[in-house]
N, C-alpha and C. Protein backbone atom coordinates (compact mmCIF):
# COMPACT_ATOMS: atom_id res chain seq x y z
N MET A 1 -73.59 35.49 20.20
CA MET A 1 -72.76 34.35 20.52
C MET A 1 -71.34 34.60 20.00
N ILE A 2 -70.39 34.20 20.79
CA ILE A 2 -68.98 34.29 20.42
C ILE A 2 -68.41 32.88 20.45
N ILE A 3 -67.71 32.52 19.39
CA ILE A 3 -67.07 31.20 19.32
C ILE A 3 -65.56 31.42 19.40
N LYS A 4 -64.98 30.88 20.45
CA LYS A 4 -63.52 30.96 20.62
C LYS A 4 -62.97 29.63 20.13
N GLN A 5 -62.11 29.69 19.13
CA GLN A 5 -61.57 28.46 18.54
C GLN A 5 -60.06 28.42 18.70
N PHE A 6 -59.59 27.30 19.22
CA PHE A 6 -58.17 27.06 19.41
C PHE A 6 -57.82 25.81 18.62
N GLN A 7 -57.01 25.97 17.59
CA GLN A 7 -56.71 24.83 16.73
C GLN A 7 -55.21 24.59 16.65
N ASN A 8 -54.85 23.43 16.15
CA ASN A 8 -53.44 23.02 16.07
C ASN A 8 -52.78 23.06 17.45
N LEU A 9 -53.49 22.59 18.46
CA LEU A 9 -52.93 22.57 19.81
C LEU A 9 -51.87 21.47 19.96
N LYS A 10 -51.84 20.54 19.02
CA LYS A 10 -50.84 19.47 19.02
C LYS A 10 -50.02 19.56 17.74
N PRO A 11 -49.20 20.60 17.58
CA PRO A 11 -48.42 20.74 16.34
C PRO A 11 -47.22 19.79 16.32
N ILE A 12 -47.50 18.52 16.13
CA ILE A 12 -46.46 17.49 16.18
C ILE A 12 -45.39 17.75 15.12
N GLU A 13 -45.79 18.24 13.94
CA GLU A 13 -44.81 18.53 12.89
C GLU A 13 -43.83 19.62 13.32
N LEU A 14 -44.27 20.48 14.20
CA LEU A 14 -43.44 21.60 14.66
C LEU A 14 -42.60 21.23 15.88
N TRP A 15 -43.19 20.48 16.81
CA TRP A 15 -42.53 20.19 18.07
C TRP A 15 -42.27 18.70 18.33
N GLY A 16 -42.69 17.84 17.42
CA GLY A 16 -42.44 16.40 17.59
C GLY A 16 -43.16 15.82 18.78
N SER A 17 -42.53 14.85 19.42
CA SER A 17 -43.16 14.11 20.51
C SER A 17 -43.37 14.95 21.77
N LYS A 18 -42.81 16.16 21.81
CA LYS A 18 -42.99 17.03 22.98
C LYS A 18 -44.47 17.38 23.22
N VAL A 19 -45.29 17.35 22.16
CA VAL A 19 -46.71 17.71 22.31
C VAL A 19 -47.64 16.51 22.10
N ASP A 20 -47.07 15.36 21.95
CA ASP A 20 -47.83 14.14 21.69
C ASP A 20 -48.85 13.81 22.77
N ASP A 21 -48.56 14.19 24.00
CA ASP A 21 -49.39 13.80 25.13
C ASP A 21 -50.58 14.73 25.38
N LEU A 22 -50.74 15.77 24.58
CA LEU A 22 -51.90 16.64 24.76
C LEU A 22 -53.18 15.89 24.40
N LEU A 23 -54.25 16.18 25.11
CA LEU A 23 -55.49 15.43 24.97
C LEU A 23 -56.33 15.85 23.78
N SER A 24 -56.16 17.09 23.32
CA SER A 24 -57.02 17.59 22.26
C SER A 24 -56.22 18.44 21.28
N ASN A 25 -56.60 18.40 20.01
CA ASN A 25 -55.94 19.21 18.99
C ASN A 25 -56.73 20.47 18.67
N LYS A 26 -58.05 20.42 18.84
CA LYS A 26 -58.90 21.55 18.47
C LYS A 26 -60.00 21.71 19.51
N ILE A 27 -60.12 22.92 20.03
CA ILE A 27 -61.14 23.21 21.04
C ILE A 27 -61.95 24.42 20.58
N LYS A 28 -63.27 24.29 20.69
CA LYS A 28 -64.17 25.42 20.43
C LYS A 28 -64.96 25.66 21.71
N ILE A 29 -65.05 26.93 22.08
CA ILE A 29 -65.86 27.32 23.23
C ILE A 29 -66.94 28.27 22.72
N TYR A 30 -68.18 27.87 22.87
CA TYR A 30 -69.33 28.67 22.43
C TYR A 30 -69.83 29.44 23.64
N CYS A 31 -69.91 30.77 23.54
CA CYS A 31 -70.32 31.60 24.67
C CYS A 31 -71.46 32.52 24.24
N VAL A 32 -72.49 32.57 25.07
CA VAL A 32 -73.58 33.52 24.87
C VAL A 32 -73.54 34.48 26.05
N TYR A 33 -73.36 35.77 25.72
CA TYR A 33 -73.25 36.81 26.74
C TYR A 33 -74.45 37.74 26.68
N LYS A 34 -74.72 38.36 27.82
CA LYS A 34 -75.72 39.42 27.87
C LYS A 34 -75.02 40.67 28.38
N ASP A 35 -75.27 41.80 27.72
CA ASP A 35 -74.69 43.10 28.08
C ASP A 35 -73.16 43.10 28.00
N VAL A 36 -72.63 42.35 27.05
CA VAL A 36 -71.19 42.35 26.79
C VAL A 36 -71.00 42.66 25.32
N LYS A 37 -70.15 43.64 25.03
CA LYS A 37 -69.84 43.99 23.64
C LYS A 37 -68.52 43.37 23.26
N PHE A 38 -68.43 42.95 22.01
CA PHE A 38 -67.24 42.27 21.52
C PHE A 38 -66.77 42.92 20.23
N SER A 39 -65.46 43.06 20.08
CA SER A 39 -64.87 43.49 18.81
C SER A 39 -63.52 42.79 18.68
N MET A 40 -63.01 42.78 17.46
CA MET A 40 -61.72 42.15 17.20
C MET A 40 -60.92 43.06 16.28
N ASP A 41 -59.64 43.23 16.60
CA ASP A 41 -58.81 44.08 15.75
C ASP A 41 -58.20 43.26 14.61
N VAL A 42 -57.43 43.92 13.76
CA VAL A 42 -56.89 43.26 12.56
C VAL A 42 -55.86 42.19 12.88
N THR A 43 -55.34 42.19 14.10
CA THR A 43 -54.36 41.17 14.47
C THR A 43 -54.99 40.08 15.34
N SER A 44 -56.32 39.98 15.29
CA SER A 44 -57.10 38.95 15.98
C SER A 44 -57.09 39.05 17.50
N HIS A 45 -56.87 40.24 18.04
CA HIS A 45 -56.99 40.43 19.49
C HIS A 45 -58.45 40.72 19.81
N ALA A 46 -59.02 39.92 20.71
CA ALA A 46 -60.40 40.09 21.13
C ALA A 46 -60.49 41.21 22.16
N ASN A 47 -61.51 42.05 22.02
CA ASN A 47 -61.75 43.14 22.96
C ASN A 47 -63.18 43.01 23.48
N PHE A 48 -63.33 42.96 24.79
CA PHE A 48 -64.64 42.84 25.41
C PHE A 48 -64.92 44.07 26.26
N GLU A 49 -66.18 44.50 26.26
CA GLU A 49 -66.63 45.56 27.16
C GLU A 49 -67.81 45.01 27.92
N GLY A 50 -67.73 45.05 29.24
CA GLY A 50 -68.79 44.52 30.07
C GLY A 50 -68.26 43.46 31.02
N ASP A 51 -69.16 42.91 31.81
CA ASP A 51 -68.82 41.92 32.82
C ASP A 51 -68.87 40.52 32.21
N LEU A 52 -67.69 39.98 31.91
CA LEU A 52 -67.61 38.66 31.26
C LEU A 52 -68.08 37.53 32.16
N ILE A 53 -67.87 37.65 33.45
CA ILE A 53 -68.26 36.59 34.39
C ILE A 53 -69.78 36.53 34.53
N ASN A 54 -70.37 37.64 34.96
CA ASN A 54 -71.82 37.66 35.19
C ASN A 54 -72.61 37.78 33.90
N GLY A 55 -71.96 38.25 32.83
CA GLY A 55 -72.64 38.38 31.54
C GLY A 55 -72.73 37.07 30.77
N LEU A 56 -71.94 36.06 31.17
CA LEU A 56 -71.99 34.75 30.50
C LEU A 56 -73.27 34.03 30.89
N LYS A 57 -74.13 33.77 29.92
CA LYS A 57 -75.42 33.13 30.19
C LYS A 57 -75.41 31.65 29.82
N TYR A 58 -74.74 31.30 28.73
CA TYR A 58 -74.67 29.90 28.29
C TYR A 58 -73.29 29.66 27.69
N PHE A 59 -72.84 28.43 27.79
CA PHE A 59 -71.60 28.07 27.11
C PHE A 59 -71.61 26.57 26.81
N ALA A 60 -70.79 26.21 25.83
CA ALA A 60 -70.58 24.80 25.50
C ALA A 60 -69.12 24.66 25.06
N VAL A 61 -68.55 23.49 25.34
CA VAL A 61 -67.17 23.22 24.97
C VAL A 61 -67.14 22.02 24.05
N GLU A 62 -66.43 22.17 22.94
CA GLU A 62 -66.27 21.09 21.97
C GLU A 62 -64.78 20.80 21.81
N MET A 63 -64.42 19.54 21.94
CA MET A 63 -63.02 19.14 21.76
C MET A 63 -62.95 18.11 20.64
N ASP A 64 -62.18 18.42 19.63
CA ASP A 64 -62.01 17.52 18.48
C ASP A 64 -63.35 17.01 17.95
N GLY A 65 -64.34 17.92 17.88
CA GLY A 65 -65.64 17.58 17.32
C GLY A 65 -66.62 16.96 18.29
N ARG A 66 -66.23 16.73 19.56
CA ARG A 66 -67.13 16.15 20.57
C ARG A 66 -67.56 17.22 21.57
N LEU A 67 -68.87 17.35 21.81
CA LEU A 67 -69.34 18.26 22.85
C LEU A 67 -69.02 17.62 24.20
N ILE A 68 -68.44 18.40 25.10
CA ILE A 68 -68.00 17.90 26.39
C ILE A 68 -68.89 18.46 27.48
N SER A 69 -69.47 17.60 28.28
CA SER A 69 -70.30 18.05 29.40
C SER A 69 -69.66 17.68 30.74
N ASP A 70 -68.61 16.89 30.71
CA ASP A 70 -67.91 16.47 31.92
C ASP A 70 -66.89 17.53 32.31
N PHE A 71 -67.19 18.27 33.40
CA PHE A 71 -66.30 19.35 33.82
C PHE A 71 -64.91 18.84 34.20
N SER A 72 -64.82 17.61 34.68
CA SER A 72 -63.49 17.10 35.05
C SER A 72 -62.62 16.92 33.80
N GLU A 73 -63.22 16.57 32.67
CA GLU A 73 -62.46 16.45 31.42
C GLU A 73 -62.00 17.83 30.94
N ILE A 74 -62.87 18.82 31.07
CA ILE A 74 -62.52 20.18 30.69
C ILE A 74 -61.39 20.69 31.58
N ARG A 75 -61.51 20.47 32.90
CA ARG A 75 -60.48 20.91 33.85
C ARG A 75 -59.16 20.20 33.58
N GLN A 76 -59.20 18.90 33.35
CA GLN A 76 -57.98 18.14 33.08
C GLN A 76 -57.29 18.63 31.81
N THR A 77 -58.07 18.88 30.77
CA THR A 77 -57.50 19.37 29.50
C THR A 77 -56.90 20.76 29.69
N THR A 78 -57.62 21.62 30.40
CA THR A 78 -57.13 22.99 30.64
C THR A 78 -55.82 22.97 31.41
N GLU A 79 -55.75 22.16 32.46
CA GLU A 79 -54.52 22.07 33.25
C GLU A 79 -53.37 21.52 32.42
N LYS A 80 -53.64 20.51 31.61
CA LYS A 80 -52.61 19.89 30.78
C LYS A 80 -52.07 20.91 29.76
N ILE A 81 -52.97 21.68 29.14
CA ILE A 81 -52.54 22.69 28.17
C ILE A 81 -51.70 23.77 28.85
N GLY A 82 -52.10 24.19 30.04
CA GLY A 82 -51.34 25.20 30.78
C GLY A 82 -49.94 24.72 31.12
N LEU A 83 -49.84 23.50 31.62
CA LEU A 83 -48.52 22.93 31.94
C LEU A 83 -47.68 22.76 30.68
N LYS A 84 -48.31 22.32 29.61
CA LYS A 84 -47.58 22.13 28.35
C LYS A 84 -47.09 23.47 27.81
N ALA A 85 -47.89 24.51 27.93
CA ALA A 85 -47.48 25.84 27.47
C ALA A 85 -46.23 26.30 28.22
N MET A 86 -46.20 26.08 29.53
CA MET A 86 -45.02 26.46 30.32
C MET A 86 -43.81 25.62 29.90
N GLU A 87 -44.02 24.34 29.70
CA GLU A 87 -42.92 23.46 29.27
C GLU A 87 -42.37 23.88 27.92
N MET A 88 -43.26 24.19 26.98
CA MET A 88 -42.82 24.57 25.65
C MET A 88 -42.12 25.93 25.67
N TRP A 89 -42.58 26.85 26.54
CA TRP A 89 -41.92 28.15 26.67
C TRP A 89 -40.49 27.94 27.19
N GLN A 90 -40.34 27.06 28.16
CA GLN A 90 -39.00 26.77 28.69
C GLN A 90 -38.12 26.15 27.60
N THR A 91 -38.71 25.28 26.79
CA THR A 91 -37.96 24.67 25.69
C THR A 91 -37.50 25.74 24.71
N LEU A 92 -38.42 26.63 24.36
CA LEU A 92 -38.10 27.69 23.40
C LEU A 92 -37.04 28.64 23.94
N THR A 93 -37.20 29.07 25.18
CA THR A 93 -36.26 30.04 25.73
C THR A 93 -34.90 29.44 26.08
N SER A 94 -34.82 28.11 26.10
CA SER A 94 -33.52 27.48 26.37
C SER A 94 -32.69 27.26 25.10
N LEU A 95 -33.30 27.53 23.94
CA LEU A 95 -32.57 27.36 22.68
C LEU A 95 -31.48 28.43 22.55
N ASP A 96 -30.36 28.07 21.93
CA ASP A 96 -29.35 29.07 21.64
C ASP A 96 -29.92 30.02 20.58
N PHE A 97 -29.27 31.16 20.39
CA PHE A 97 -29.79 32.23 19.53
C PHE A 97 -30.09 31.75 18.10
N GLU A 98 -29.16 31.04 17.49
CA GLU A 98 -29.36 30.58 16.10
C GLU A 98 -30.51 29.58 16.02
N SER A 99 -30.59 28.65 16.97
CA SER A 99 -31.68 27.67 16.97
C SER A 99 -33.02 28.35 17.21
N ALA A 100 -33.03 29.37 18.07
CA ALA A 100 -34.27 30.10 18.34
C ALA A 100 -34.77 30.82 17.09
N LYS A 101 -33.87 31.38 16.30
CA LYS A 101 -34.29 32.04 15.05
C LYS A 101 -34.89 31.03 14.09
N VAL A 102 -34.29 29.86 13.99
CA VAL A 102 -34.82 28.81 13.11
C VAL A 102 -36.20 28.37 13.60
N LYS A 103 -36.35 28.18 14.92
CA LYS A 103 -37.65 27.75 15.47
C LYS A 103 -38.70 28.83 15.24
N TYR A 104 -38.31 30.10 15.36
CA TYR A 104 -39.25 31.18 15.09
C TYR A 104 -39.71 31.13 13.63
N LEU A 105 -38.79 30.95 12.72
CA LEU A 105 -39.16 30.83 11.30
C LEU A 105 -40.11 29.65 11.09
N GLU A 106 -39.81 28.53 11.73
CA GLU A 106 -40.69 27.36 11.61
C GLU A 106 -42.09 27.68 12.13
N GLN A 107 -42.15 28.37 13.27
CA GLN A 107 -43.45 28.74 13.83
C GLN A 107 -44.22 29.65 12.88
N ARG A 108 -43.55 30.63 12.30
CA ARG A 108 -44.22 31.53 11.37
C ARG A 108 -44.72 30.77 10.15
N CYS A 109 -43.90 29.89 9.62
CA CYS A 109 -44.29 29.12 8.44
C CYS A 109 -45.41 28.14 8.76
N TYR A 110 -45.42 27.62 9.99
CA TYR A 110 -46.44 26.65 10.39
C TYR A 110 -47.84 27.25 10.34
N ASN A 111 -47.93 28.56 10.44
CA ASN A 111 -49.25 29.22 10.31
C ASN A 111 -49.91 28.88 8.98
N TYR A 112 -49.12 28.54 7.99
CA TYR A 112 -49.63 28.28 6.65
C TYR A 112 -49.59 26.79 6.29
N VAL A 113 -49.49 25.93 7.31
CA VAL A 113 -49.34 24.49 7.06
C VAL A 113 -50.52 23.94 6.24
N ASN A 114 -51.74 24.31 6.57
CA ASN A 114 -52.90 23.77 5.85
C ASN A 114 -52.95 24.27 4.40
N LEU A 115 -52.64 25.56 4.20
CA LEU A 115 -52.61 26.10 2.84
C LEU A 115 -51.53 25.40 2.03
N CYS A 116 -50.36 25.24 2.61
CA CYS A 116 -49.26 24.56 1.90
C CYS A 116 -49.64 23.13 1.54
N ARG A 117 -50.30 22.43 2.44
CA ARG A 117 -50.75 21.06 2.15
C ARG A 117 -51.67 21.05 0.93
N LYS A 118 -52.62 21.98 0.92
CA LYS A 118 -53.58 22.03 -0.20
C LYS A 118 -52.88 22.34 -1.52
N LEU A 119 -51.81 23.13 -1.45
CA LEU A 119 -51.07 23.49 -2.65
C LEU A 119 -49.97 22.47 -3.00
N GLY A 120 -49.79 21.50 -2.14
CA GLY A 120 -48.75 20.49 -2.37
C GLY A 120 -47.35 21.02 -2.12
N LEU A 121 -47.23 22.01 -1.23
CA LEU A 121 -45.93 22.61 -0.92
C LEU A 121 -45.47 22.22 0.48
N ASP A 122 -44.18 22.25 0.69
CA ASP A 122 -43.62 22.02 2.01
C ASP A 122 -43.82 23.28 2.84
N TRP A 123 -44.30 23.16 4.05
CA TRP A 123 -44.58 24.31 4.89
C TRP A 123 -43.33 24.85 5.59
N LYS A 124 -42.28 24.09 5.63
CA LYS A 124 -41.08 24.47 6.40
C LYS A 124 -40.32 25.61 5.71
N PRO A 125 -39.54 26.36 6.49
CA PRO A 125 -38.76 27.46 5.90
C PRO A 125 -37.84 26.95 4.79
N THR A 126 -37.72 27.74 3.74
CA THR A 126 -36.86 27.37 2.62
C THR A 126 -35.39 27.58 3.01
N LYS A 127 -34.49 27.02 2.21
CA LYS A 127 -33.06 27.22 2.44
C LYS A 127 -32.73 28.71 2.40
N GLU A 128 -33.37 29.44 1.46
CA GLU A 128 -33.11 30.87 1.33
C GLU A 128 -33.53 31.62 2.60
N MET A 129 -34.67 31.26 3.17
CA MET A 129 -35.14 31.91 4.40
C MET A 129 -34.16 31.66 5.54
N LEU A 130 -33.71 30.42 5.67
CA LEU A 130 -32.77 30.07 6.74
C LEU A 130 -31.43 30.79 6.55
N GLU A 131 -31.01 30.92 5.31
CA GLU A 131 -29.74 31.59 5.01
C GLU A 131 -29.81 33.08 5.35
N VAL A 132 -30.97 33.70 5.11
CA VAL A 132 -31.13 35.14 5.37
C VAL A 132 -30.96 35.47 6.85
N VAL A 133 -31.41 34.59 7.75
CA VAL A 133 -31.33 34.90 9.18
C VAL A 133 -30.06 34.36 9.84
N LYS A 134 -29.36 33.49 9.15
CA LYS A 134 -28.17 32.86 9.74
C LYS A 134 -27.11 33.91 10.10
N ASP A 135 -26.63 33.82 11.32
CA ASP A 135 -25.55 34.69 11.83
C ASP A 135 -25.91 36.17 11.77
N LYS A 136 -27.19 36.51 11.80
CA LYS A 136 -27.63 37.91 11.80
C LYS A 136 -28.20 38.25 13.18
N SER A 137 -28.02 39.50 13.59
CA SER A 137 -28.61 39.96 14.85
C SER A 137 -30.05 40.38 14.58
N LEU A 138 -30.78 40.62 15.64
CA LEU A 138 -32.16 41.08 15.50
C LEU A 138 -32.18 42.60 15.34
N ALA A 139 -33.17 43.09 14.63
CA ALA A 139 -33.32 44.54 14.45
C ALA A 139 -33.68 45.17 15.79
N LYS A 140 -33.13 46.34 16.07
CA LYS A 140 -33.45 47.06 17.29
C LYS A 140 -34.40 48.20 16.96
N ASN A 141 -35.27 48.51 17.91
CA ASN A 141 -36.24 49.60 17.73
C ASN A 141 -37.01 49.44 16.43
N PHE A 142 -37.43 48.22 16.18
CA PHE A 142 -38.10 47.91 14.92
C PHE A 142 -39.47 48.58 14.83
N TRP A 143 -40.26 48.48 15.91
CA TRP A 143 -41.60 49.05 15.89
C TRP A 143 -41.57 50.43 16.53
N PRO A 144 -42.24 51.39 15.90
CA PRO A 144 -42.25 52.74 16.47
C PRO A 144 -43.17 52.82 17.69
N VAL A 145 -42.90 53.78 18.57
CA VAL A 145 -43.79 54.07 19.69
C VAL A 145 -44.77 55.11 19.18
N LEU A 146 -46.04 54.76 19.16
CA LEU A 146 -47.05 55.62 18.56
C LEU A 146 -48.17 55.91 19.55
N GLY A 147 -48.77 57.09 19.42
CA GLY A 147 -49.96 57.41 20.20
C GLY A 147 -51.16 56.68 19.61
N ALA A 148 -52.30 56.78 20.27
CA ALA A 148 -53.50 56.05 19.85
C ALA A 148 -53.91 56.37 18.42
N GLU A 149 -53.99 57.66 18.08
CA GLU A 149 -54.46 58.03 16.74
C GLU A 149 -53.46 57.63 15.66
N SER A 150 -52.18 57.97 15.86
CA SER A 150 -51.20 57.62 14.84
C SER A 150 -50.97 56.11 14.79
N GLY A 151 -51.13 55.43 15.94
CA GLY A 151 -51.01 53.98 15.97
C GLY A 151 -52.09 53.31 15.15
N THR A 152 -53.31 53.79 15.28
CA THR A 152 -54.42 53.25 14.49
C THR A 152 -54.15 53.45 13.01
N ASN A 153 -53.68 54.64 12.65
CA ASN A 153 -53.37 54.93 11.25
C ASN A 153 -52.24 54.04 10.74
N PHE A 154 -51.20 53.86 11.57
CA PHE A 154 -50.07 53.03 11.18
C PHE A 154 -50.53 51.61 10.87
N TRP A 155 -51.31 50.99 11.77
CA TRP A 155 -51.75 49.61 11.56
C TRP A 155 -52.68 49.50 10.36
N ARG A 156 -53.52 50.52 10.17
CA ARG A 156 -54.40 50.50 8.99
C ARG A 156 -53.56 50.50 7.73
N MET A 157 -52.55 51.35 7.69
CA MET A 157 -51.70 51.44 6.51
C MET A 157 -50.89 50.16 6.32
N LEU A 158 -50.50 49.52 7.43
CA LEU A 158 -49.68 48.32 7.34
C LEU A 158 -50.47 47.13 6.80
N VAL A 159 -51.75 47.00 7.18
CA VAL A 159 -52.50 45.80 6.79
C VAL A 159 -53.48 46.00 5.64
N ASP A 160 -53.78 47.23 5.28
CA ASP A 160 -54.75 47.48 4.21
C ASP A 160 -54.08 47.24 2.85
N PRO A 161 -54.53 46.23 2.11
CA PRO A 161 -53.89 45.91 0.83
C PRO A 161 -54.07 46.99 -0.24
N ARG A 162 -54.99 47.93 -0.01
CA ARG A 162 -55.22 48.99 -1.00
C ARG A 162 -54.17 50.10 -0.90
N ILE A 163 -53.43 50.11 0.20
CA ILE A 163 -52.45 51.18 0.42
C ILE A 163 -51.08 50.72 -0.04
N ASP A 164 -50.49 51.51 -0.91
CA ASP A 164 -49.15 51.21 -1.43
C ASP A 164 -48.14 51.44 -0.31
N SER A 165 -47.14 50.57 -0.24
CA SER A 165 -46.15 50.69 0.84
C SER A 165 -45.34 51.98 0.74
N THR A 166 -45.36 52.66 -0.41
CA THR A 166 -44.63 53.92 -0.57
C THR A 166 -45.16 54.95 0.41
N GLU A 167 -46.49 55.01 0.55
CA GLU A 167 -47.10 55.96 1.48
C GLU A 167 -46.68 55.65 2.92
N LEU A 168 -46.64 54.38 3.26
CA LEU A 168 -46.22 53.97 4.60
C LEU A 168 -44.75 54.32 4.83
N LYS A 169 -43.92 54.10 3.82
CA LYS A 169 -42.49 54.43 3.92
C LYS A 169 -42.30 55.92 4.18
N GLN A 170 -43.10 56.75 3.48
CA GLN A 170 -42.95 58.19 3.60
C GLN A 170 -43.28 58.66 5.02
N GLN A 171 -44.33 58.09 5.60
CA GLN A 171 -44.74 58.52 6.94
C GLN A 171 -43.92 57.88 8.05
N TYR A 172 -43.47 56.65 7.84
CA TYR A 172 -42.77 55.91 8.89
C TYR A 172 -41.42 55.43 8.37
N GLY A 173 -40.60 56.36 7.92
CA GLY A 173 -39.33 56.04 7.28
C GLY A 173 -38.34 55.32 8.15
N MET A 174 -38.56 55.33 9.48
CA MET A 174 -37.60 54.66 10.37
C MET A 174 -37.54 53.17 10.09
N PHE A 175 -38.53 52.62 9.41
CA PHE A 175 -38.52 51.20 9.10
C PHE A 175 -37.53 50.86 8.00
N ARG A 176 -37.17 51.84 7.21
CA ARG A 176 -36.21 51.60 6.14
C ARG A 176 -34.92 51.02 6.70
N ASN A 177 -34.47 51.55 7.85
CA ASN A 177 -33.23 51.06 8.47
C ASN A 177 -33.39 49.65 9.00
N ALA A 178 -34.59 49.29 9.42
CA ALA A 178 -34.82 47.96 9.99
C ALA A 178 -35.00 46.91 8.91
N GLY A 179 -35.13 47.33 7.66
CA GLY A 179 -35.24 46.37 6.57
C GLY A 179 -36.65 45.88 6.31
N LEU A 180 -37.65 46.54 6.90
CA LEU A 180 -39.03 46.08 6.72
C LEU A 180 -39.48 46.18 5.27
N PHE A 181 -39.02 47.20 4.57
CA PHE A 181 -39.49 47.42 3.21
C PHE A 181 -38.47 47.01 2.16
N LYS A 182 -37.55 46.17 2.54
CA LYS A 182 -36.56 45.67 1.60
C LYS A 182 -37.27 44.93 0.47
N GLU A 183 -36.74 45.03 -0.71
CA GLU A 183 -37.33 44.28 -1.82
C GLU A 183 -37.22 42.79 -1.52
N THR A 184 -38.30 42.08 -1.70
CA THR A 184 -38.28 40.64 -1.46
C THR A 184 -38.70 39.92 -2.72
N LYS A 185 -38.21 38.73 -2.86
CA LYS A 185 -38.55 37.91 -4.02
C LYS A 185 -39.80 37.11 -3.69
N CYS A 186 -40.79 37.18 -4.53
CA CYS A 186 -42.00 36.42 -4.32
C CYS A 186 -41.90 35.10 -5.07
N TYR A 187 -42.43 34.08 -4.46
CA TYR A 187 -42.37 32.75 -5.07
C TYR A 187 -43.78 32.27 -5.39
N SER A 188 -43.88 31.58 -6.48
CA SER A 188 -45.13 30.88 -6.78
C SER A 188 -44.83 29.40 -6.70
N SER A 189 -45.87 28.59 -6.75
CA SER A 189 -45.65 27.16 -6.66
C SER A 189 -44.81 26.64 -7.83
N LYS A 190 -44.74 27.41 -8.93
CA LYS A 190 -43.98 26.99 -10.09
C LYS A 190 -42.48 27.10 -9.88
N ASN A 191 -42.05 28.11 -9.10
CA ASN A 191 -40.60 28.27 -8.96
C ASN A 191 -40.09 27.92 -7.56
N MET A 192 -40.87 27.17 -6.80
CA MET A 192 -40.41 26.73 -5.47
C MET A 192 -39.85 25.34 -5.55
């Protein structure tokens, strides 16, 4: 069984009333497949091998904790989310450059909204974060073009906490120019 979970579909704190009209905040889709293999990489990309259409034997849809058996409700919600995604993309791409950088920071910080709430911290970008990106251009050629083997090694080195960033710097020094390995100040809840 594979459970596909989509949460925070109504990020009102991030987008305000623009997302107020969405019908559901959290959707889970339970799928039972036959002859389909599933794996997930470190960046949460799902990979399937096999026939997903004919291999699907059972499924259930849950919205905000309610199991849904009415296909018209599922269809209506799906259509509404699709239209809202296009609307929000248009909103995002219509922002001027400086506003887009701020919104991107907000989106990145929003990933930690629940953790911040539990810690009693504000989830929004700090003044220091906003100041760092203000009036700055974006890095060019930030990510290297890698073959399959070296790409796998690169991502392993990037996300494995046991690997010191010095080793990564030595092998992929082009990131030094992009500022990826710049010294950063870490904050604890005591000094925020």
